[in-house]
C-alpha atoms as a PDB file:
ATOM      1  CA  MET A   1      -9.832  11.701  11.072  1.00  0.00           C
ATOM      2  CA  ASN A   2     -12.662   9.462  10.071  1.00  0.00           C
ATOM      3  CA  THR A   3     -15.239  11.850  11.451  1.00  0.00           C
ATOM      4  CA  THR A   4     -13.887  14.935   9.798  1.00  0.00           C
ATOM      5  CA  ASN A   5     -13.683  13.133   6.455  1.00  0.00           C
ATOM      6  CA  HIS A   6     -17.408  11.891   6.308  1.00  0.00           C
ATOM      7  CA  GLY A   7     -16.352   8.132   6.885  1.00  0.00           C
ATOM      8  CA  ARG A   8     -14.109   8.202   3.749  1.00  0.00           C
ATOM      9  CA  VAL A   9     -10.779   7.721   5.673  1.00  0.00           C
ATOM     10  CA  VAL A  10      -9.785   4.707   7.720  1.00  0.00           C
ATOM     11  CA  VAL A  11      -6.417   4.580   9.451  1.00  0.00           C
ATOM     12  CA  PHE A  12      -4.806   1.387  10.402  1.00  0.00           C
ATOM     13  CA  GLY A  13      -1.273   0.250  11.200  1.00  0.00           C
ATOM     14  CA  GLY A  14      -0.654  -2.061   8.141  1.00  0.00           C
ATOM     15  CA  GLY A  15      -1.125   0.595   5.495  1.00  0.00           C
ATOM     16  CA  ILE A  16       1.721   1.731   3.355  1.00  0.00           C
ATOM     17  CA  PRO A  17       1.496   3.775   0.051  1.00  0.00           C
ATOM     18  CA  LEU A  18       3.181   2.601  -3.163  1.00  0.00           C
ATOM     19  CA  SER A  19       5.078   5.188  -5.142  1.00  0.00           C
ATOM     20  CA  PHE A  20       6.558   4.968  -8.595  1.00  0.00           C
ATOM     21  CA  GLU A  21       8.684   7.890 -10.176  1.00  0.00           C
ATOM     22  CA  GLY A  22       7.608  10.135  -7.321  1.00  0.00           C
ATOM     23  CA  ARG A  23       3.889   9.484  -7.732  1.00  0.00           C
ATOM     24  CA  ILE A  24       1.655   7.658  -5.352  1.00  0.00           C
ATOM     25  CA  VAL A  25       0.317   4.704  -7.510  1.00  0.00           C
ATOM     26  CA  GLY A  26      -1.562   2.701  -5.024  1.00  0.00           C
ATOM     27  CA  ALA A  27      -1.205   1.309  -1.410  1.00  0.00           C
ATOM     28  CA  VAL A  28      -0.730  -2.029   0.381  1.00  0.00           C
ATOM     29  CA  GLY A  29      -2.859  -2.855   3.349  1.00  0.00           C
ATOM     30  CA  ALA A  30      -2.594  -5.737   5.630  1.00  0.00           C
ATOM     31  CA  SER A  31      -4.921  -6.302   8.761  1.00  0.00           C
ATOM     32  CA  GLY A  32      -5.919  -9.208  10.872  1.00  0.00           C
ATOM     33  CA  SER A  33      -2.984  -9.545  13.285  1.00  0.00           C
ATOM     34  CA  THR A  34      -1.231  -7.231  15.652  1.00  0.00           C
ATOM     35  CA  VAL A  35      -0.349  -3.671  14.334  1.00  0.00           C
ATOM     36  CA  ALA A  36       3.354  -4.702  14.278  1.00  0.00           C
ATOM     37  CA  ASN A  37       2.677  -7.866  12.407  1.00  0.00           C
ATOM     38  CA  ASP A  38       0.440  -6.111   9.851  1.00  0.00           C
ATOM     39  CA  ILE A  39       3.150  -3.546   9.217  1.00  0.00           C
ATOM     40  CA  GLU A  40       5.807  -6.176   8.700  1.00  0.00           C
ATOM     41  CA  VAL A  41       3.533  -7.907   6.111  1.00  0.00           C
ATOM     42  CA  ALA A  42       2.685  -4.587   4.385  1.00  0.00           C
ATOM     43  CA  LYS A  43       6.515  -3.774   4.162  1.00  0.00           C
ATOM     44  CA  ALA A  44       7.198  -7.177   2.669  1.00  0.00           C
ATOM     45  CA  ALA A  45       4.689  -6.426   0.001  1.00  0.00           C
ATOM     46  CA  VAL A  46       6.272  -3.101  -0.570  1.00  0.00           C
ATOM     47  CA  ARG A  47       9.757  -4.826  -0.912  1.00  0.00           C
ATOM     48  CA  ALA A  48       8.185  -7.226  -3.470  1.00  0.00           C
ATOM     49  CA  PHE A  49       6.788  -4.205  -5.392  1.00  0.00           C
ATOM     50  CA  GLU A  50      10.075  -2.406  -5.430  1.00  0.00           C
ATOM     51  CA  THR A  51      11.785  -5.435  -7.092  1.00  0.00           C
ATOM     52  CA  TYR A  52      10.152  -4.310 -10.301  1.00  0.00           C
ATOM     53  CA  PRO A  53      12.117  -1.163 -11.076  1.00  0.00           C
ATOM     54  CA  LYS A  54      10.297  -0.549 -14.459  1.00  0.00           C
ATOM     55  CA  ALA A  55       6.904  -1.394 -12.961  1.00  0.00           C
ATOM     56  CA  ARG A  56       4.206  -0.310 -15.103  1.00  0.00           C
ATOM     57  CA  ILE A  57       0.543   0.115 -13.840  1.00  0.00           C
ATOM     58  CA  GLY A  58      -1.948  -0.334 -16.694  1.00  0.00           C
ATOM     59  CA  SER A  59      -5.314  -1.437 -17.505  1.00  0.00           C
ATOM     60  CA  SER A  60      -4.088  -5.217 -17.557  1.00  0.00           C
ATOM     61  CA  GLY A  61      -3.291  -4.701 -13.692  1.00  0.00           C
ATOM     62  CA  SER A  62       0.097  -6.329 -14.509  1.00  0.00           C
ATOM     63  CA  LEU A  63       3.524  -5.371 -13.254  1.00  0.00           C
ATOM     64  CA  LEU A  64       6.073  -5.580 -16.081  1.00  0.00           C
END
């Protein structure tokens, strides 16, 4: 995948996209441990993001 996309794509086990209202708004990535641990850390971050049901992504970078 990296080769066919001119080095612009890197795949690793701890990456999870974040969606809001059916749109991808960002992603969470964790790396540095085993793939299984990295995935658990990323999932915890996604769960934290999901606790903000009216999350707003704006220029301030805050979740409200």
